[in-house]
Amino acid sequence: QVQLAESGGGLVQAGGSLRLSCAASGGTFSNYRLGWFRQAPGKEREFVARITRSGLSTYYTDSVKDRFTMSRDNAKNMVYLQMNGLKPEDTAVYYCAAGVQPILTIADCDYWGQGTQVTVSS
């Protein structure tokens, strides 16, 4: 059983930056593939980014490519999402997730954090 806890959300102006963190506990962290998802009001939860177990490979949805960077520190059981050039359409609750298979959809994830709110003002 893996527990995930996100932090780092907040209110930022368009063009600004935030760094989300997700702390993991209760399992062998390096065994899990990790992902970030987000859910805007009235919309379905959507995939944002994923990272392999080693941290050597990442993949992003097109709308955040070249603006967001996902990373992980297996020694600290931490995963991060650096968000630059934020836009109002990035406003959402952001969730980190863990799974044993490659992450692209909600169904690929076995564990979820509680989410952290990101609000981007125009």
PDB file of N, CA and C in Angstrom:
ATOM      1  N   GLN A   1       0.846  -1.186   0.000  1.00  0.00           N
ATOM      2  CA  GLN A   1       0.000   0.000   0.000  1.00  0.00           C
ATOM      3  C   GLN A   1       0.886   1.243   0.000  1.00  0.00           C
ATOM      4  N   VAL A   2       0.642   2.123  -0.945  1.00  0.00           N
ATOM      5  CA  VAL A   2       1.421   3.356  -1.071  1.00  0.00           C
ATOM      6  C   VAL A   2       0.529   4.532  -0.729  1.00  0.00           C
ATOM      7  N   GLN A   3       1.032   5.422   0.088  1.00  0.00           N
ATOM      8  CA  GLN A   3       0.332   6.670   0.384  1.00  0.00           C
ATOM      9  C   GLN A   3       1.057   7.809  -0.312  1.00  0.00           C
ATOM     10  N   LEU A   4       0.277   8.702  -0.929  1.00  0.00           N
ATOM     11  CA  LEU A   4       0.827   9.832  -1.664  1.00  0.00           C
ATOM     12  C   LEU A   4       0.237  11.121  -1.117  1.00  0.00           C
ATOM     13  N   ALA A   5       1.073  12.135  -0.990  1.00  0.00           N
ATOM     14  CA  ALA A   5       0.604  13.420  -0.461  1.00  0.00           C
ATOM     15  C   ALA A   5       1.221  14.551  -1.258  1.00  0.00           C
ATOM     16  N   GLU A   6       0.361  15.306  -1.966  1.00  0.00           N
ATOM     17  CA  GLU A   6       0.824  16.424  -2.779  1.00  0.00           C
ATOM     18  C   GLU A   6       0.913  17.702  -1.946  1.00  0.00           C
ATOM     19  N   SER A   7       1.770  18.586  -2.395  1.00  0.00           N
ATOM     20  CA  SER A   7       1.875  19.918  -1.806  1.00  0.00           C
ATOM     21  C   SER A   7       2.422  20.862  -2.857  1.00  0.00           C
ATOM     22  N   GLY A   8       2.344  22.158  -2.559  1.00  0.00           N
ATOM     23  CA  GLY A   8       2.951  23.140  -3.439  1.00  0.00           C
ATOM     24  C   GLY A   8       1.987  23.910  -4.318  1.00  0.00           C
ATOM     25  N   GLY A   9       0.706  23.573  -4.254  1.00  0.00           N
ATOM     26  CA  GLY A   9      -0.250  24.324  -5.048  1.00  0.00           C
ATOM     27  C   GLY A   9      -0.454  25.727  -4.505  1.00  0.00           C
ATOM     28  N   GLY A  10      -1.187  26.530  -5.255  1.00  0.00           N
ATOM     29  CA  GLY A  10      -1.460  27.887  -4.818  1.00  0.00           C
ATOM     30  C   GLY A  10      -2.014  28.736  -5.927  1.00  0.00           C
ATOM     31  N   LEU A  11      -2.022  30.044  -5.675  1.00  0.00           N
ATOM     32  CA  LEU A  11      -2.513  31.023  -6.645  1.00  0.00           C
ATOM     33  C   LEU A  11      -1.319  31.724  -7.270  1.00  0.00           C
ATOM     34  N   VAL A  12      -1.311  31.789  -8.586  1.00  0.00           N
ATOM     35  CA  VAL A  12      -0.205  32.411  -9.301  1.00  0.00           C
ATOM     36  C   VAL A  12      -0.762  33.159 -10.508  1.00  0.00           C
ATOM     37  N   GLN A  13      -0.068  34.213 -10.898  1.00  0.00           N
ATOM     38  CA  GLN A  13      -0.485  34.955 -12.086  1.00  0.00           C
ATOM     39  C   GLN A  13      -0.048  34.218 -13.350  1.00  0.00           C
ATOM     40  N   ALA A  14      -0.752  34.477 -14.419  1.00  0.00           N
ATOM     41  CA  ALA A  14      -0.384  33.889 -15.704  1.00  0.00           C
ATOM     42  C   ALA A  14       1.068  34.231 -16.026  1.00  0.00           C
ATOM     43  N   GLY A  15       1.772  33.235 -16.537  1.00  0.00           N
ATOM     44  CA  GLY A  15       3.186  33.389 -16.822  1.00  0.00           C
ATOM     45  C   GLY A  15       4.093  32.996 -15.678  1.00  0.00           C
ATOM     46  N   GLY A  16       3.525  32.790 -14.518  1.00  0.00           N
ATOM     47  CA  GLY A  16       4.310  32.435 -13.342  1.00  0.00           C
ATOM     48  C   GLY A  16       4.640  30.961 -13.267  1.00  0.00           C
ATOM     49  N   SER A  17       5.253  30.579 -12.151  1.00  0.00           N
ATOM     50  CA  SER A  17       5.708  29.208 -11.961  1.00  0.00           C
ATOM     51  C   SER A  17       5.281  28.682 -10.598  1.00  0.00           C
ATOM     52  N   LEU A  18       5.114  27.381 -10.549  1.00  0.00           N
ATOM     53  CA  LEU A  18       4.887  26.657  -9.307  1.00  0.00           C
ATOM     54  C   LEU A  18       5.615  25.333  -9.395  1.00  0.00           C
ATOM     55  N   ARG A  19       6.013  24.812  -8.235  1.00  0.00           N
ATOM     56  CA  ARG A  19       6.600  23.487  -8.188  1.00  0.00           C
ATOM     57  C   ARG A  19       5.764  22.627  -7.251  1.00  0.00           C
ATOM     58  N   LEU A  20       5.133  21.620  -7.792  1.00  0.00           N
ATOM     59  CA  LEU A  20       4.375  20.679  -6.996  1.00  0.00           C
ATOM     60  C   LEU A  20       5.281  19.557  -6.527  1.00  0.00           C
ATOM     61  N   SER A  21       5.040  19.104  -5.315  1.00  0.00           N
ATOM     62  CA  SER A  21       5.767  17.973  -4.756  1.00  0.00           C
ATOM     63  C   SER A  21       4.772  16.905  -4.342  1.00  0.00           C
ATOM     64  N   CYS A  22       5.236  15.679  -4.346  1.00  0.00           N
ATOM     65  CA  CYS A  22       4.402  14.561  -3.901  1.00  0.00           C
ATOM     66  C   CYS A  22       5.299  13.620  -3.102  1.00  0.00           C
ATOM     67  N   ALA A  23       4.959  13.435  -1.845  1.00  0.00           N
ATOM     68  CA  ALA A  23       5.719  12.559  -0.966  1.00  0.00           C
ATOM     69  C   ALA A  23       5.038  11.195  -0.894  1.00  0.00           C
ATOM     70  N   ALA A  24       5.838  10.160  -1.033  1.00  0.00           N
ATOM     71  CA  ALA A  24       5.308   8.793  -1.004  1.00  0.00           C
ATOM     72  C   ALA A  24       5.780   8.057   0.234  1.00  0.00           C
ATOM     73  N   SER A  25       4.943   7.188   0.730  1.00  0.00           N
ATOM     74  CA  SER A  25       5.315   6.351   1.871  1.00  0.00           C
ATOM     75  C   SER A  25       4.566   5.030   1.787  1.00  0.00           C
ATOM     76  N   GLY A  26       5.085   4.035   2.483  1.00  0.00           N
ATOM     77  CA  GLY A  26       4.373   2.771   2.611  1.00  0.00           C
ATOM     78  C   GLY A  26       4.680   1.727   1.572  1.00  0.00           C
ATOM     79  N   GLY A  27       5.589   1.990   0.674  1.00  0.00           N
ATOM     80  CA  GLY A  27       5.914   0.988  -0.328  1.00  0.00           C
ATOM     81  C   GLY A  27       7.335   1.183  -0.823  1.00  0.00           C
ATOM     82  N   THR A  28       7.755   0.331  -1.742  1.00  0.00           N
ATOM     83  CA  THR A  28       9.072   0.491  -2.348  1.00  0.00           C
ATOM     84  C   THR A  28       8.929   1.456  -3.511  1.00  0.00           C
ATOM     85  N   PHE A  29       9.284   2.695  -3.263  1.00  0.00           N
ATOM     86  CA  PHE A  29       8.993   3.796  -4.178  1.00  0.00           C
ATOM     87  C   PHE A  29       9.529   3.536  -5.578  1.00  0.00           C
ATOM     88  N   SER A  30      10.732   3.028  -5.667  1.00  0.00           N
ATOM     89  CA  SER A  30      11.372   2.849  -6.977  1.00  0.00           C
ATOM     90  C   SER A  30      10.714   1.750  -7.807  1.00  0.00           C
ATOM     91  N   ASN A  31       9.820   0.984  -7.224  1.00  0.00           N
ATOM     92  CA  ASN A  31       9.098  -0.048  -7.978  1.00  0.00           C
ATOM     93  C   ASN A  31       7.944   0.510  -8.797  1.00  0.00           C
ATOM     94  N   TYR A  32       7.581   1.762  -8.530  1.00  0.00           N
ATOM     95  CA  TYR A  32       6.366   2.319  -9.121  1.00  0.00           C
ATOM     96  C   TYR A  32       6.653   3.349 -10.196  1.00  0.00           C
ATOM     97  N   ARG A  33       5.874   3.245 -11.255  1.00  0.00           N
ATOM     98  CA  ARG A  33       5.796   4.328 -12.239  1.00  0.00           C
ATOM     99  C   ARG A  33       4.880   5.405 -11.655  1.00  0.00           C
ATOM    100  N   LEU A  34       5.145   6.646 -12.008  1.00  0.00           N
ATOM    101  CA  LEU A  34       4.425   7.762 -11.407  1.00  0.00           C
ATOM    102  C   LEU A  34       3.840   8.675 -12.473  1.00  0.00           C
ATOM    103  N   GLY A  35       2.738   9.302 -12.116  1.00  0.00           N
ATOM    104  CA  GLY A  35       2.117  10.230 -13.042  1.00  0.00           C
ATOM    105  C   GLY A  35       1.505  11.413 -12.312  1.00  0.00           C
ATOM    106  N   TRP A  36       1.283  12.476 -13.059  1.00  0.00           N
ATOM    107  CA  TRP A  36       0.512  13.624 -12.587  1.00  0.00           C
ATOM    108  C   TRP A  36      -0.737  13.734 -13.452  1.00  0.00           C
ATOM    109  N   PHE A  37      -1.856  13.965 -12.809  1.00  0.00           N
ATOM    110  CA  PHE A  37      -3.124  14.208 -13.475  1.00  0.00           C
ATOM    111  C   PHE A  37      -3.691  15.524 -12.937  1.00  0.00           C
ATOM    112  N   ARG A  38      -4.685  16.044 -13.630  1.00  0.00           N
ATOM    113  CA  ARG A  38      -5.352  17.244 -13.131  1.00  0.00           C
ATOM    114  C   ARG A  38      -6.835  17.184 -13.475  1.00  0.00           C
ATOM    115  N   GLN A  39      -7.614  17.879 -12.653  1.00  0.00           N
ATOM    116  CA  GLN A  39      -9.052  17.927 -12.874  1.00  0.00           C
ATOM    117  C   GLN A  39      -9.540  19.349 -12.651  1.00  0.00           C
ATOM    118  N   ALA A  40     -10.031  19.941 -13.733  1.00  0.00           N
ATOM    119  CA  ALA A  40     -10.607  21.277 -13.670  1.00  0.00           C
ATOM    120  C   ALA A  40     -12.087  21.173 -13.313  1.00  0.00           C
ATOM    121  N   PRO A  41     -12.671  22.253 -12.772  1.00  0.00           N
ATOM    122  CA  PRO A  41     -14.089  22.212 -12.401  1.00  0.00           C
ATOM    123  C   PRO A  41     -14.971  21.818 -13.576  1.00  0.00           C
ATOM    124  N   GLY A  42     -15.826  20.839 -13.357  1.00  0.00           N
ATOM    125  CA  GLY A  42     -16.757  20.422 -14.391  1.00  0.00           C
ATOM    126  C   GLY A  42     -16.161  19.557 -15.475  1.00  0.00           C
ATOM    127  N   LYS A  43     -14.891  19.198 -15.327  1.00  0.00           N
ATOM    128  CA  LYS A  43     -14.225  18.389 -16.351  1.00  0.00           C
ATOM    129  C   LYS A  43     -13.725  17.073 -15.767  1.00  0.00           C
ATOM    130  N   GLU A  44     -13.418  16.152 -16.644  1.00  0.00           N
ATOM    131  CA  GLU A  44     -12.876  14.875 -16.205  1.00  0.00           C
ATOM    132  C   GLU A  44     -11.401  15.028 -15.837  1.00  0.00           C
ATOM    133  N   ARG A  45     -10.949  14.122 -14.981  1.00  0.00           N
ATOM    134  CA  ARG A  45      -9.539  14.100 -14.633  1.00  0.00           C
ATOM    135  C   ARG A  45      -8.743  13.714 -15.869  1.00  0.00           C
ATOM    136  N   GLU A  46      -7.641  14.428 -16.130  1.00  0.00           N
ATOM    137  CA  GLU A  46      -6.863  14.178 -17.333  1.00  0.00           C
ATOM    138  C   GLU A  46      -5.385  13.974 -17.008  1.00  0.00           C
ATOM    139  N   PHE A  47      -4.758  13.202 -17.870  1.00  0.00           N
ATOM    140  CA  PHE A  47      -3.329  12.930 -17.748  1.00  0.00           C
ATOM    141  C   PHE A  47      -2.523  14.191 -18.042  1.00  0.00           C
ATOM    142  N   VAL A  48      -1.455  14.399 -17.271  1.00  0.00           N
ATOM    143  CA  VAL A  48      -0.562  15.534 -17.496  1.00  0.00           C
ATOM    144  C   VAL A  48       0.846  15.048 -17.864  1.00  0.00           C
ATOM    145  N   ALA A  49       1.398  14.148 -17.036  1.00  0.00           N
ATOM    146  CA  ALA A  49       2.779  13.729 -17.253  1.00  0.00           C
ATOM    147  C   ALA A  49       3.013  12.396 -16.567  1.00  0.00           C
ATOM    148  N   ARG A  50       4.058  11.701 -17.005  1.00  0.00           N
ATOM    149  CA  ARG A  50       4.439  10.461 -16.352  1.00  0.00           C
ATOM    150  C   ARG A  50       5.955  10.344 -16.369  1.00  0.00           C
ATOM    151  N   ILE A  51       6.465   9.462 -15.495  1.00  0.00           N
ATOM    152  CA  ILE A  51       7.893   9.242 -15.413  1.00  0.00           C
ATOM    153  C   ILE A  51       8.139   7.770 -15.130  1.00  0.00           C
ATOM    154  N   THR A  52       9.220   7.246 -15.673  1.00  0.00           N
ATOM    155  CA  THR A  52       9.543   5.850 -15.474  1.00  0.00           C
ATOM    156  C   THR A  52      10.096   5.618 -14.068  1.00  0.00           C
ATOM    157  N   ARG A  53      10.293   4.367 -13.720  1.00  0.00           N
ATOM    158  CA  ARG A  53      10.767   4.032 -12.378  1.00  0.00           C
ATOM    159  C   ARG A  53      12.158   4.589 -12.116  1.00  0.00           C
ATOM    160  N   SER A  54      12.990   4.616 -13.147  1.00  0.00           N
ATOM    161  CA  SER A  54      14.346   5.127 -12.987  1.00  0.00           C
ATOM    162  C   SER A  54      14.390   6.650 -12.995  1.00  0.00           C
ATOM    163  N   GLY A  55      13.356   7.271 -13.564  1.00  0.00           N
ATOM    164  CA  GLY A  55      13.358   8.715 -13.735  1.00  0.00           C
ATOM    165  C   GLY A  55      14.037   9.184 -14.987  1.00  0.00           C
ATOM    166  N   LEU A  56      14.482   8.255 -15.820  1.00  0.00           N
ATOM    167  CA  LEU A  56      15.250   8.644 -17.005  1.00  0.00           C
ATOM    168  C   LEU A  56      14.371   9.044 -18.180  1.00  0.00           C
ATOM    169  N   SER A  57      13.104   8.668 -18.141  1.00  0.00           N
ATOM    170  CA  SER A  57      12.215   8.964 -19.263  1.00  0.00           C
ATOM    171  C   SER A  57      10.919   9.580 -18.760  1.00  0.00           C
ATOM    172  N   THR A  58      10.484  10.617 -19.453  1.00  0.00           N
ATOM    173  CA  THR A  58       9.227  11.291 -19.133  1.00  0.00           C
ATOM    174  C   THR A  58       8.388  11.446 -20.391  1.00  0.00           C
ATOM    175  N   TYR A  59       7.105  11.694 -20.173  1.00  0.00           N
ATOM    176  CA  TYR A  59       6.169  11.894 -21.284  1.00  0.00           C
ATOM    177  C   TYR A  59       5.116  12.880 -20.813  1.00  0.00           C
ATOM    178  N   TYR A  60       4.737  13.818 -21.709  1.00  0.00           N
ATOM    179  CA  TYR A  60       3.812  14.886 -21.336  1.00  0.00           C
ATOM    180  C   TYR A  60       2.668  14.981 -22.325  1.00  0.00           C
ATOM    181  N   THR A  61       1.534  15.405 -21.827  1.00  0.00           N
ATOM    182  CA  THR A  61       0.452  15.736 -22.728  1.00  0.00           C
ATOM    183  C   THR A  61       0.847  16.988 -23.505  1.00  0.00           C
ATOM    184  N   ASP A  62       0.336  17.122 -24.713  1.00  0.00           N
ATOM    185  CA  ASP A  62       0.784  18.190 -25.615  1.00  0.00           C
ATOM    186  C   ASP A  62       0.613  19.580 -25.011  1.00  0.00           C
ATOM    187  N   SER A  63      -0.444  19.796 -24.244  1.00  0.00           N
ATOM    188  CA  SER A  63      -0.744  21.139 -23.760  1.00  0.00           C
ATOM    189  C   SER A  63       0.263  21.657 -22.730  1.00  0.00           C
ATOM    190  N   VAL A  64       1.063  20.772 -22.144  1.00  0.00           N
ATOM    191  CA  VAL A  64       2.037  21.218 -21.145  1.00  0.00           C
ATOM    192  C   VAL A  64       3.473  20.991 -21.587  1.00  0.00           C
ATOM    193  N   LYS A  65       3.638  20.362 -22.727  1.00  0.00           N
ATOM    194  CA  LYS A  65       4.982  20.074 -23.224  1.00  0.00           C
ATOM    195  C   LYS A  65       5.764  21.372 -23.346  1.00  0.00           C
ATOM    196  N   ASP A  66       7.028  21.343 -22.958  1.00  0.00           N
ATOM    197  CA  ASP A  66       7.942  22.494 -23.002  1.00  0.00           C
ATOM    198  C   ASP A  66       7.649  23.524 -21.923  1.00  0.00           C
ATOM    199  N   ARG A  67       6.624  23.304 -21.088  1.00  0.00           N
ATOM    200  CA  ARG A  67       6.352  24.203 -19.964  1.00  0.00           C
ATOM    201  C   ARG A  67       6.492  23.484 -18.626  1.00  0.00           C
ATOM    202  N   PHE A  68       6.118  22.200 -18.583  1.00  0.00           N
ATOM    203  CA  PHE A  68       6.159  21.432 -17.342  1.00  0.00           C
ATOM    204  C   PHE A  68       7.294  20.424 -17.402  1.00  0.00           C
ATOM    205  N   THR A  69       7.888  20.158 -16.251  1.00  0.00           N
ATOM    206  CA  THR A  69       8.941  19.152 -16.148  1.00  0.00           C
ATOM    207  C   THR A  69       8.675  18.276 -14.931  1.00  0.00           C
ATOM    208  N   MET A  70       8.581  16.984 -15.176  1.00  0.00           N
ATOM    209  CA  MET A  70       8.376  16.026 -14.085  1.00  0.00           C
ATOM    210  C   MET A  70       9.692  15.358 -13.730  1.00  0.00           C
ATOM    211  N   SER A  71       9.924  15.164 -12.442  1.00  0.00           N
ATOM    212  CA  SER A  71      11.136  14.496 -11.995  1.00  0.00           C
ATOM    213  C   SER A  71      10.832  13.705 -10.720  1.00  0.00           C
ATOM    214  N   ARG A  72      11.758  12.853 -10.353  1.00  0.00           N
ATOM    215  CA  ARG A  72      11.577  12.077  -9.128  1.00  0.00           C
ATOM    216  C   ARG A  72      12.929  11.903  -8.444  1.00  0.00           C
ATOM    217  N   ASP A  73      12.879  11.705  -7.132  1.00  0.00           N
ATOM    218  CA  ASP A  73      14.068  11.426  -6.342  1.00  0.00           C
ATOM    219  C   ASP A  73      13.777  10.150  -5.566  1.00  0.00           C
ATOM    220  N   ASN A  74      14.279   9.038  -6.057  1.00  0.00           N
ATOM    221  CA  ASN A  74      13.982   7.744  -5.434  1.00  0.00           C
ATOM    222  C   ASN A  74      14.597   7.621  -4.037  1.00  0.00           C
ATOM    223  N   ALA A  75      15.663   8.349  -3.786  1.00  0.00           N
ATOM    224  CA  ALA A  75      16.288   8.300  -2.464  1.00  0.00           C
ATOM    225  C   ALA A  75      15.423   8.994  -1.405  1.00  0.00           C
ATOM    226  N   LYS A  76      14.630   9.970  -1.855  1.00  0.00           N
ATOM    227  CA  LYS A  76      13.789  10.733  -0.919  1.00  0.00           C
ATOM    228  C   LYS A  76      12.316  10.365  -1.014  1.00  0.00           C
ATOM    229  N   ASN A  77      11.986   9.425  -1.910  1.00  0.00           N
ATOM    230  CA  ASN A  77      10.579   9.047  -2.130  1.00  0.00           C
ATOM    231  C   ASN A  77       9.727  10.253  -2.508  1.00  0.00           C
ATOM    232  N   MET A  78      10.241  11.047  -3.416  1.00  0.00           N
ATOM    233  CA  MET A  78       9.569  12.276  -3.823  1.00  0.00           C
ATOM    234  C   MET A  78       9.425  12.337  -5.342  1.00  0.00           C
ATOM    235  N   VAL A  79       8.333  12.939  -5.774  1.00  0.00           N
ATOM    236  CA  VAL A  79       8.137  13.230  -7.184  1.00  0.00           C
ATOM    237  C   VAL A  79       7.718  14.693  -7.300  1.00  0.00           C
ATOM    238  N   TYR A  80       8.132  15.333  -8.397  1.00  0.00           N
ATOM    239  CA  TYR A  80       7.932  16.764  -8.554  1.00  0.00           C
ATOM    240  C   TYR A  80       7.315  17.076  -9.914  1.00  0.00           C
ATOM    241  N   LEU A  81       6.647  18.219  -9.965  1.00  0.00           N
ATOM    242  CA  LEU A  81       6.175  18.759 -11.231  1.00  0.00           C
ATOM    243  C   LEU A  81       6.494  20.253 -11.230  1.00  0.00           C
ATOM    244  N   GLN A  82       7.495  20.616 -12.000  1.00  0.00           N
ATOM    245  CA  GLN A  82       7.854  22.020 -12.168  1.00  0.00           C
ATOM    246  C   GLN A  82       7.002  22.593 -13.289  1.00  0.00           C
ATOM    247  N   MET A  83       6.244  23.628 -12.967  1.00  0.00           N
ATOM    248  CA  MET A  83       5.317  24.212 -13.933  1.00  0.00           C
ATOM    249  C   MET A  83       5.725  25.648 -14.197  1.00  0.00           C
ATOM    250  N   ASN A  84       6.118  25.918 -15.420  1.00  0.00           N
ATOM    251  CA  ASN A  84       6.506  27.262 -15.841  1.00  0.00           C
ATOM    252  C   ASN A  84       5.537  27.773 -16.889  1.00  0.00           C
ATOM    253  N   GLY A  85       5.523  29.067 -17.082  1.00  0.00           N
ATOM    254  CA  GLY A  85       4.652  29.639 -18.098  1.00  0.00           C
ATOM    255  C   GLY A  85       3.194  29.278 -17.888  1.00  0.00           C
ATOM    256  N   LEU A  86       2.747  29.336 -16.654  1.00  0.00           N
ATOM    257  CA  LEU A  86       1.387  28.892 -16.350  1.00  0.00           C
ATOM    258  C   LEU A  86       0.338  29.756 -17.035  1.00  0.00           C
ATOM    259  N   LYS A  87      -0.737  29.097 -17.434  1.00  0.00           N
ATOM    260  CA  LYS A  87      -1.847  29.736 -18.126  1.00  0.00           C
ATOM    261  C   LYS A  87      -3.129  29.534 -17.310  1.00  0.00           C
ATOM    262  N   PRO A  88      -4.112  30.405 -17.489  1.00  0.00           N
ATOM    263  CA  PRO A  88      -5.375  30.220 -16.765  1.00  0.00           C
ATOM    264  C   PRO A  88      -5.987  28.836 -16.991  1.00  0.00           C
ATOM    265  N   GLU A  89      -5.797  28.275 -18.173  1.00  0.00           N
ATOM    266  CA  GLU A  89      -6.355  26.951 -18.460  1.00  0.00           C
ATOM    267  C   GLU A  89      -5.632  25.826 -17.732  1.00  0.00           C
ATOM    268  N   ASP A  90      -4.546  26.129 -17.044  1.00  0.00           N
ATOM    269  CA  ASP A  90      -3.885  25.134 -16.199  1.00  0.00           C
ATOM    270  C   ASP A  90      -4.541  25.038 -14.826  1.00  0.00           C
ATOM    271  N   THR A  91      -5.490  25.912 -14.533  1.00  0.00           N
ATOM    272  CA  THR A  91      -6.177  25.880 -13.246  1.00  0.00           C
ATOM    273  C   THR A  91      -6.907  24.556 -13.058  1.00  0.00           C
ATOM    274  N   ALA A  92      -6.594  23.876 -11.968  1.00  0.00           N
ATOM    275  CA  ALA A  92      -7.163  22.560 -11.701  1.00  0.00           C
ATOM    276  C   ALA A  92      -6.660  22.063 -10.352  1.00  0.00           C
ATOM    277  N   VAL A  93      -7.244  20.969  -9.901  1.00  0.00           N
ATOM    278  CA  VAL A  93      -6.657  20.205  -8.798  1.00  0.00           C
ATOM    279  C   VAL A  93      -5.694  19.201  -9.416  1.00  0.00           C
ATOM    280  N   TYR A  94      -4.476  19.205  -8.927  1.00  0.00           N
ATOM    281  CA  TYR A  94      -3.437  18.324  -9.470  1.00  0.00           C
ATOM    282  C   TYR A  94      -3.222  17.145  -8.525  1.00  0.00           C
ATOM    283  N   TYR A  95      -3.178  15.956  -9.115  1.00  0.00           N
ATOM    284  CA  TYR A  95      -3.030  14.717  -8.363  1.00  0.00           C
ATOM    285  C   TYR A  95      -1.785  13.973  -8.809  1.00  0.00           C
ATOM    286  N   CYS A  96      -1.049  13.424  -7.871  1.00  0.00           N
ATOM    287  CA  CYS A  96      -0.017  12.473  -8.254  1.00  0.00           C
ATOM    288  C   CYS A  96      -0.583  11.067  -8.080  1.00  0.00           C
ATOM    289  N   ALA A  97      -0.046  10.158  -8.878  1.00  0.00           N
ATOM    290  CA  ALA A  97      -0.541   8.789  -8.897  1.00  0.00           C
ATOM    291  C   ALA A  97       0.611   7.830  -9.114  1.00  0.00           C
ATOM    292  N   ALA A  98       0.434   6.614  -8.636  1.00  0.00           N
ATOM    293  CA  ALA A  98       1.460   5.588  -8.766  1.00  0.00           C
ATOM    294  C   ALA A  98       0.838   4.309  -9.300  1.00  0.00           C
ATOM    295  N   GLY A  99       1.610   3.594 -10.090  1.00  0.00           N
ATOM    296  CA  GLY A  99       1.128   2.338 -10.623  1.00  0.00           C
ATOM    297  C   GLY A  99       2.275   1.435 -11.022  1.00  0.00           C
ATOM    298  N   VAL A 100       1.955   0.196 -11.312  1.00  0.00           N
ATOM    299  CA  VAL A 100       2.992  -0.764 -11.696  1.00  0.00           C
ATOM    300  C   VAL A 100       3.116  -0.880 -13.207  1.00  0.00           C
ATOM    301  N   GLN A 101       2.169  -0.308 -13.961  1.00  0.00           N
ATOM    302  CA  GLN A 101       2.267  -0.336 -15.416  1.00  0.00           C
ATOM    303  C   GLN A 101       2.434   1.092 -15.929  1.00  0.00           C
ATOM    304  N   PRO A 102       2.825   1.233 -17.176  1.00  0.00           N
ATOM    305  CA  PRO A 102       2.985   2.585 -17.732  1.00  0.00           C
ATOM    306  C   PRO A 102       1.701   3.391 -17.587  1.00  0.00           C
ATOM    307  N   ILE A 103       1.827   4.629 -17.147  1.00  0.00           N
ATOM    308  CA  ILE A 103       0.673   5.451 -16.803  1.00  0.00           C
ATOM    309  C   ILE A 103       0.286   6.361 -17.953  1.00  0.00           C
ATOM    310  N   LEU A 104      -0.956   6.262 -18.339  1.00  0.00           N
ATOM    311  CA  LEU A 104      -1.499   7.194 -19.335  1.00  0.00           C
ATOM    312  C   LEU A 104      -2.956   7.532 -19.022  1.00  0.00           C
ATOM    313  N   THR A 105      -3.651   6.622 -18.384  1.00  0.00           N
ATOM    314  CA  THR A 105      -5.058   6.837 -18.050  1.00  0.00           C
ATOM    315  C   THR A 105      -5.276   6.588 -16.557  1.00  0.00           C
ATOM    316  N   ILE A 106      -6.441   7.016 -16.090  1.00  0.00           N
ATOM    317  CA  ILE A 106      -6.797   6.797 -14.693  1.00  0.00           C
ATOM    318  C   ILE A 106      -6.732   5.317 -14.338  1.00  0.00           C
ATOM    319  N   ALA A 107      -7.152   4.471 -15.253  1.00  0.00           N
ATOM    320  CA  ALA A 107      -7.189   3.031 -14.998  1.00  0.00           C
ATOM    321  C   ALA A 107      -5.803   2.428 -14.804  1.00  0.00           C
ATOM    322  N   ASP A 108      -4.764   3.127 -15.241  1.00  0.00           N
ATOM    323  CA  ASP A 108      -3.396   2.611 -15.109  1.00  0.00           C
ATOM    324  C   ASP A 108      -2.835   2.824 -13.708  1.00  0.00           C
ATOM    325  N   CYS A 109      -3.544   3.601 -12.884  1.00  0.00           N
ATOM    326  CA  CYS A 109      -3.018   4.014 -11.576  1.00  0.00           C
ATOM    327  C   CYS A 109      -3.623   3.191 -10.451  1.00  0.00           C
ATOM    328  N   ASP A 110      -2.747   2.800  -9.532  1.00  0.00           N
ATOM    329  CA  ASP A 110      -3.196   2.011  -8.394  1.00  0.00           C
ATOM    330  C   ASP A 110      -3.386   2.857  -7.132  1.00  0.00           C
ATOM    331  N   TYR A 111      -2.655   3.952  -7.027  1.00  0.00           N
ATOM    332  CA  TYR A 111      -2.696   4.786  -5.824  1.00  0.00           C
ATOM    333  C   TYR A 111      -2.764   6.255  -6.230  1.00  0.00           C
ATOM    334  N   TRP A 112      -3.472   7.037  -5.398  1.00  0.00           N
ATOM    335  CA  TRP A 112      -3.684   8.458  -5.668  1.00  0.00           C
ATOM    336  C   TRP A 112      -3.428   9.284  -4.417  1.00  0.00           C
ATOM    337  N   GLY A 113      -2.952  10.494  -4.633  1.00  0.00           N
ATOM    338  CA  GLY A 113      -2.910  11.460  -3.560  1.00  0.00           C
ATOM    339  C   GLY A 113      -4.241  12.175  -3.441  1.00  0.00           C
ATOM    340  N   GLN A 114      -4.301  13.103  -2.497  1.00  0.00           N
ATOM    341  CA  GLN A 114      -5.564  13.809  -2.238  1.00  0.00           C
ATOM    342  C   GLN A 114      -5.738  15.033  -3.135  1.00  0.00           C
ATOM    343  N   GLY A 115      -4.673  15.441  -3.801  1.00  0.00           N
ATOM    344  CA  GLY A 115      -4.746  16.571  -4.722  1.00  0.00           C
ATOM    345  C   GLY A 115      -4.316  17.879  -4.095  1.00  0.00           C
ATOM    346  N   THR A 116      -3.851  18.793  -4.941  1.00  0.00           N
ATOM    347  CA  THR A 116      -3.483  20.140  -4.515  1.00  0.00           C
ATOM    348  C   THR A 116      -4.001  21.125  -5.553  1.00  0.00           C
ATOM    349  N   GLN A 117      -4.596  22.214  -5.093  1.00  0.00           N
ATOM    350  CA  GLN A 117      -5.231  23.177  -5.994  1.00  0.00           C
ATOM    351  C   GLN A 117      -4.201  24.114  -6.596  1.00  0.00           C
ATOM    352  N   VAL A 118      -4.281  24.269  -7.903  1.00  0.00           N
ATOM    353  CA  VAL A 118      -3.484  25.264  -8.629  1.00  0.00           C
ATOM    354  C   VAL A 118      -4.457  26.214  -9.315  1.00  0.00           C
ATOM    355  N   THR A 119      -4.310  27.486  -9.035  1.00  0.00           N
ATOM    356  CA  THR A 119      -5.166  28.497  -9.637  1.00  0.00           C
ATOM    357  C   THR A 119      -4.285  29.529 -10.321  1.00  0.00           C
ATOM    358  N   VAL A 120      -4.545  29.741 -11.609  1.00  0.00           N
ATOM    359  CA  VAL A 120      -3.767  30.691 -12.397  1.00  0.00           C
ATOM    360  C   VAL A 120      -4.686  31.841 -12.801  1.00  0.00           C
ATOM    361  N   SER A 121      -4.349  33.023 -12.356  1.00  0.00           N
ATOM    362  CA  SER A 121      -5.174  34.190 -12.678  1.00  0.00           C
ATOM    363  C   SER A 121      -4.653  34.884 -13.931  1.00  0.00           C
ATOM    364  N   SER A 122      -5.591  35.482 -14.662  1.00  0.00           N
ATOM    365  CA  SER A 122      -5.207  36.144 -15.919  1.00  0.00           C
ATOM    366  C   SER A 122      -4.854  37.606 -15.695  1.00  0.00           C
TER     367      SER A 122
END
